[in-house]
Amino acid sequence: MSLVQIFGLVIAAAVLGTSILIAVMGGRFQKVEQAAYSEKGKPWWFYLSLAAYIIFYLAVLVSFITSPDKTWAGWVLVIVIPIGALIKGSLIIFNKKGQEKVTSIEGDQAWMKIALARLVLVPLFLVLAYYA
């Protein structure tokens, strides 16, 4: 199994895990979002998670670039999706309107819809990991 495939499986597991967490916590998950997207300063776990992801991603990127066997799924997992996530994250983190939108989500039903909408990504990441 390649590092790119492991990356796809880790991302699928992360999406599944956070979706379950969101569904279980419901409206209480709002505090997590507010802490992560607050202008006042991010909590330690935000920086630790970000550092771990960046280190893992850079290892995957180097592995992908140096590999002679590049598949379309690998390109999507290692290049396309991270660029999209970077753009999305930038639009939220560096944009006051985006922060307000994310931090103003309220209610158990709204969070359940988000949890269910995210679950659609799990099979996508699994398929990409398989073909990577």
C-alpha atoms as a PDB file:
ATOM      1  CA  MET A   1       0.000   0.000   0.000  1.00  0.00           C
ATOM      2  CA  SER A   2       1.420   3.379  -0.990  1.00  0.00           C
ATOM      3  CA  LEU A   3       1.596   6.477   1.178  1.00  0.00           C
ATOM      4  CA  VAL A   4      -0.890   8.136  -1.178  1.00  0.00           C
ATOM      5  CA  GLN A   5      -3.396   5.342  -0.548  1.00  0.00           C
ATOM      6  CA  ILE A   6      -2.838   5.628   3.205  1.00  0.00           C
ATOM      7  CA  PHE A   7      -3.430   9.378   2.890  1.00  0.00           C
ATOM      8  CA  GLY A   8      -6.775   8.734   1.191  1.00  0.00           C
ATOM      9  CA  LEU A   9      -7.785   6.260   3.905  1.00  0.00           C
ATOM     10  CA  VAL A  10      -6.740   8.656   6.680  1.00  0.00           C
ATOM     11  CA  ILE A  11      -8.755  11.477   5.100  1.00  0.00           C
ATOM     12  CA  ALA A  12     -11.782   9.171   4.729  1.00  0.00           C
ATOM     13  CA  ALA A  13     -11.455   8.109   8.391  1.00  0.00           C
ATOM     14  CA  ALA A  14     -11.098  11.741   9.492  1.00  0.00           C
ATOM     15  CA  VAL A  15     -14.225  12.783   7.591  1.00  0.00           C
ATOM     16  CA  LEU A  16     -16.150   9.807   8.982  1.00  0.00           C
ATOM     17  CA  GLY A  17     -14.942  10.433  12.524  1.00  0.00           C
ATOM     18  CA  THR A  18     -15.700  14.133  12.515  1.00  0.00           C
ATOM     19  CA  SER A  19     -19.089  13.525  10.895  1.00  0.00           C
ATOM     20  CA  ILE A  20     -19.982  11.076  13.660  1.00  0.00           C
ATOM     21  CA  LEU A  21     -18.707  13.550  16.249  1.00  0.00           C
ATOM     22  CA  ILE A  22     -20.807  16.337  14.731  1.00  0.00           C
ATOM     23  CA  ALA A  23     -23.896  14.104  14.638  1.00  0.00           C
ATOM     24  CA  VAL A  24     -23.442  13.025  18.263  1.00  0.00           C
ATOM     25  CA  MET A  25     -22.661  16.496  19.595  1.00  0.00           C
ATOM     26  CA  GLY A  26     -25.244  18.313  17.506  1.00  0.00           C
ATOM     27  CA  GLY A  27     -25.482  21.985  18.408  1.00  0.00           C
ATOM     28  CA  ARG A  28     -22.756  21.590  21.017  1.00  0.00           C
ATOM     29  CA  PHE A  29     -20.288  21.200  18.139  1.00  0.00           C
ATOM     30  CA  GLN A  30     -20.711  24.941  17.598  1.00  0.00           C
ATOM     31  CA  LYS A  31     -18.228  25.582  20.426  1.00  0.00           C
ATOM     32  CA  VAL A  32     -15.596  23.566  18.575  1.00  0.00           C
ATOM     33  CA  GLU A  33     -16.184  25.564  15.386  1.00  0.00           C
ATOM     34  CA  GLN A  34     -16.148  28.862  17.225  1.00  0.00           C
ATOM     35  CA  ALA A  35     -12.831  27.977  18.860  1.00  0.00           C
ATOM     36  CA  ALA A  36     -11.265  26.882  15.570  1.00  0.00           C
ATOM     37  CA  TYR A  37     -12.410  29.917  13.575  1.00  0.00           C
ATOM     38  CA  SER A  38     -12.239  32.547  16.296  1.00  0.00           C
ATOM     39  CA  GLU A  39     -10.308  35.728  15.646  1.00  0.00           C
ATOM     40  CA  LYS A  40      -9.230  35.813  19.296  1.00  0.00           C
ATOM     41  CA  GLY A  41      -6.653  33.095  18.820  1.00  0.00           C
ATOM     42  CA  LYS A  42      -6.833  29.465  17.956  1.00  0.00           C
ATOM     43  CA  PRO A  43      -6.650  26.756  20.637  1.00  0.00           C
ATOM     44  CA  TRP A  44      -3.544  24.570  20.970  1.00  0.00           C
ATOM     45  CA  TRP A  45      -5.273  21.535  19.405  1.00  0.00           C
ATOM     46  CA  PHE A  46      -5.964  23.534  16.241  1.00  0.00           C
ATOM     47  CA  TYR A  47      -2.253  24.241  15.737  1.00  0.00           C
ATOM     48  CA  LEU A  48      -1.239  20.700  16.683  1.00  0.00           C
ATOM     49  CA  SER A  49      -3.739  19.184  14.215  1.00  0.00           C
ATOM     50  CA  LEU A  50      -2.662  21.589  11.487  1.00  0.00           C
ATOM     51  CA  ALA A  51       1.046  20.824  12.047  1.00  0.00           C
ATOM     52  CA  ALA A  52       0.412  17.058  11.996  1.00  0.00           C
ATOM     53  CA  TYR A  53      -1.602  17.354   8.785  1.00  0.00           C
ATOM     54  CA  ILE A  54       1.034  19.514   7.082  1.00  0.00           C
ATOM     55  CA  ILE A  55       3.872  17.139   8.016  1.00  0.00           C
ATOM     56  CA  PHE A  56       1.870  14.101   6.850  1.00  0.00           C
ATOM     57  CA  TYR A  57       0.788  15.856   3.649  1.00  0.00           C
ATOM     58  CA  LEU A  58       4.354  16.914   2.800  1.00  0.00           C
ATOM     59  CA  ALA A  59       5.529  13.307   3.228  1.00  0.00           C
ATOM     60  CA  VAL A  60       2.701  12.160   0.931  1.00  0.00           C
ATOM     61  CA  LEU A  61       3.505  14.897  -1.592  1.00  0.00           C
ATOM     62  CA  VAL A  62       7.203  13.952  -1.715  1.00  0.00           C
ATOM     63  CA  SER A  63       6.258  10.284  -2.054  1.00  0.00           C
ATOM     64  CA  PHE A  64       3.853  11.102  -4.875  1.00  0.00           C
ATOM     65  CA  ILE A  65       6.257  13.372  -6.742  1.00  0.00           C
ATOM     66  CA  THR A  66       9.108  10.864  -6.580  1.00  0.00           C
ATOM     67  CA  SER A  67       6.937   7.897  -7.528  1.00  0.00           C
ATOM     68  CA  PRO A  68       7.076   6.762 -11.158  1.00  0.00           C
ATOM     69  CA  ASP A  69       3.524   5.392 -10.838  1.00  0.00           C
ATOM     70  CA  LYS A  70       1.166   8.359 -10.776  1.00  0.00           C
ATOM     71  CA  THR A  71      -2.523   7.614 -11.210  1.00  0.00           C
ATOM     72  CA  TRP A  72      -5.409   9.980 -11.878  1.00  0.00           C
ATOM     73  CA  ALA A  73      -6.724   9.202  -8.376  1.00  0.00           C
ATOM     74  CA  GLY A  74      -3.343  10.080  -6.890  1.00  0.00           C
ATOM     75  CA  TRP A  75      -3.394  13.428  -8.677  1.00  0.00           C
ATOM     76  CA  VAL A  76      -6.865  14.133  -7.314  1.00  0.00           C
ATOM     77  CA  LEU A  77      -5.950  13.087  -3.744  1.00  0.00           C
ATOM     78  CA  VAL A  78      -2.573  14.780  -3.530  1.00  0.00           C
ATOM     79  CA  ILE A  79      -2.980  17.859  -5.725  1.00  0.00           C
ATOM     80  CA  VAL A  80      -6.592  18.753  -6.586  1.00  0.00           C
ATOM     81  CA  ILE A  81      -8.332  18.165  -3.236  1.00  0.00           C
ATOM     82  CA  PRO A  82      -5.652  19.896  -1.106  1.00  0.00           C
ATOM     83  CA  ILE A  83      -5.729  22.950  -3.402  1.00  0.00           C
ATOM     84  CA  GLY A  84      -9.527  23.058  -3.088  1.00  0.00           C
ATOM     85  CA  ALA A  85      -9.294  22.669   0.696  1.00  0.00           C
ATOM     86  CA  LEU A  86      -6.696  25.442   0.858  1.00  0.00           C
ATOM     87  CA  ILE A  87      -8.939  27.794  -1.118  1.00  0.00           C
ATOM     88  CA  LYS A  88     -11.991  26.908   1.000  1.00  0.00           C
ATOM     89  CA  GLY A  89     -10.039  27.275   4.237  1.00  0.00           C
ATOM     90  CA  SER A  90      -8.622  30.621   3.152  1.00  0.00           C
ATOM     91  CA  LEU A  91     -12.068  31.901   2.269  1.00  0.00           C
ATOM     92  CA  ILE A  92     -13.257  31.030   5.764  1.00  0.00           C
ATOM     93  CA  ILE A  93     -10.238  31.765   7.948  1.00  0.00           C
ATOM     94  CA  PHE A  94      -9.119  35.010   6.300  1.00  0.00           C
ATOM     95  CA  ASN A  95     -12.573  36.336   5.524  1.00  0.00           C
ATOM     96  CA  LYS A  96     -14.631  37.899   8.307  1.00  0.00           C
ATOM     97  CA  LYS A  97     -17.894  37.073   6.512  1.00  0.00           C
ATOM     98  CA  GLY A  98     -16.830  33.443   6.161  1.00  0.00           C
ATOM     99  CA  GLN A  99     -15.925  33.234   9.846  1.00  0.00           C
ATOM    100  CA  GLU A 100     -19.264  34.755  10.842  1.00  0.00           C
ATOM    101  CA  LYS A 101     -21.142  32.302   8.620  1.00  0.00           C
ATOM    102  CA  VAL A 102     -19.407  29.255  10.093  1.00  0.00           C
ATOM    103  CA  THR A 103     -19.563  30.442  13.684  1.00  0.00           C
ATOM    104  CA  SER A 104     -23.252  31.339  13.436  1.00  0.00           C
ATOM    105  CA  ILE A 105     -24.526  27.827  12.606  1.00  0.00           C
ATOM    106  CA  GLU A 106     -26.960  26.851  15.340  1.00  0.00           C
ATOM    107  CA  GLY A 107     -29.153  23.984  16.384  1.00  0.00           C
ATOM    108  CA  ASP A 108     -28.960  20.215  16.372  1.00  0.00           C
ATOM    109  CA  GLN A 109     -30.756  19.910  13.015  1.00  0.00           C
ATOM    110  CA  ALA A 110     -28.357  22.220  11.220  1.00  0.00           C
ATOM    111  CA  TRP A 111     -25.368  20.265  12.518  1.00  0.00           C
ATOM    112  CA  MET A 112     -26.994  16.937  11.655  1.00  0.00           C
ATOM    113  CA  LYS A 113     -27.423  18.145   8.057  1.00  0.00           C
ATOM    114  CA  ILE A 114     -23.741  19.093   7.966  1.00  0.00           C
ATOM    115  CA  ALA A 115     -22.715  15.696   9.390  1.00  0.00           C
ATOM    116  CA  LEU A 116     -24.810  13.852   6.797  1.00  0.00           C
ATOM    117  CA  ALA A 117     -23.615  16.050   3.923  1.00  0.00           C
ATOM    118  CA  ARG A 118     -19.985  15.326   4.831  1.00  0.00           C
ATOM    119  CA  LEU A 119     -20.584  11.565   4.799  1.00  0.00           C
ATOM    120  CA  VAL A 120     -20.912  11.690   1.009  1.00  0.00           C
ATOM    121  CA  LEU A 121     -17.168  12.354   0.894  1.00  0.00           C
ATOM    122  CA  VAL A 122     -16.215   9.101   2.659  1.00  0.00           C
ATOM    123  CA  PRO A 123     -16.893   6.736  -0.284  1.00  0.00           C
ATOM    124  CA  LEU A 124     -15.257   9.255  -2.627  1.00  0.00           C
ATOM    125  CA  PHE A 125     -12.027   9.197  -0.599  1.00  0.00           C
ATOM    126  CA  LEU A 126     -12.183   5.394  -0.330  1.00  0.00           C
ATOM    127  CA  VAL A 127     -12.515   5.017  -4.109  1.00  0.00           C
ATOM    128  CA  LEU A 128      -9.692   7.485  -4.691  1.00  0.00           C
ATOM    129  CA  ALA A 129      -7.494   5.624  -2.189  1.00  0.00           C
ATOM    130  CA  TYR A 130      -8.249   2.326  -3.921  1.00  0.00           C
ATOM    131  CA  TYR A 131      -7.285   3.645  -7.375  1.00  0.00           C
ATOM    132  CA  ALA A 132      -4.317   5.682  -6.152  1.00  0.00           C
END
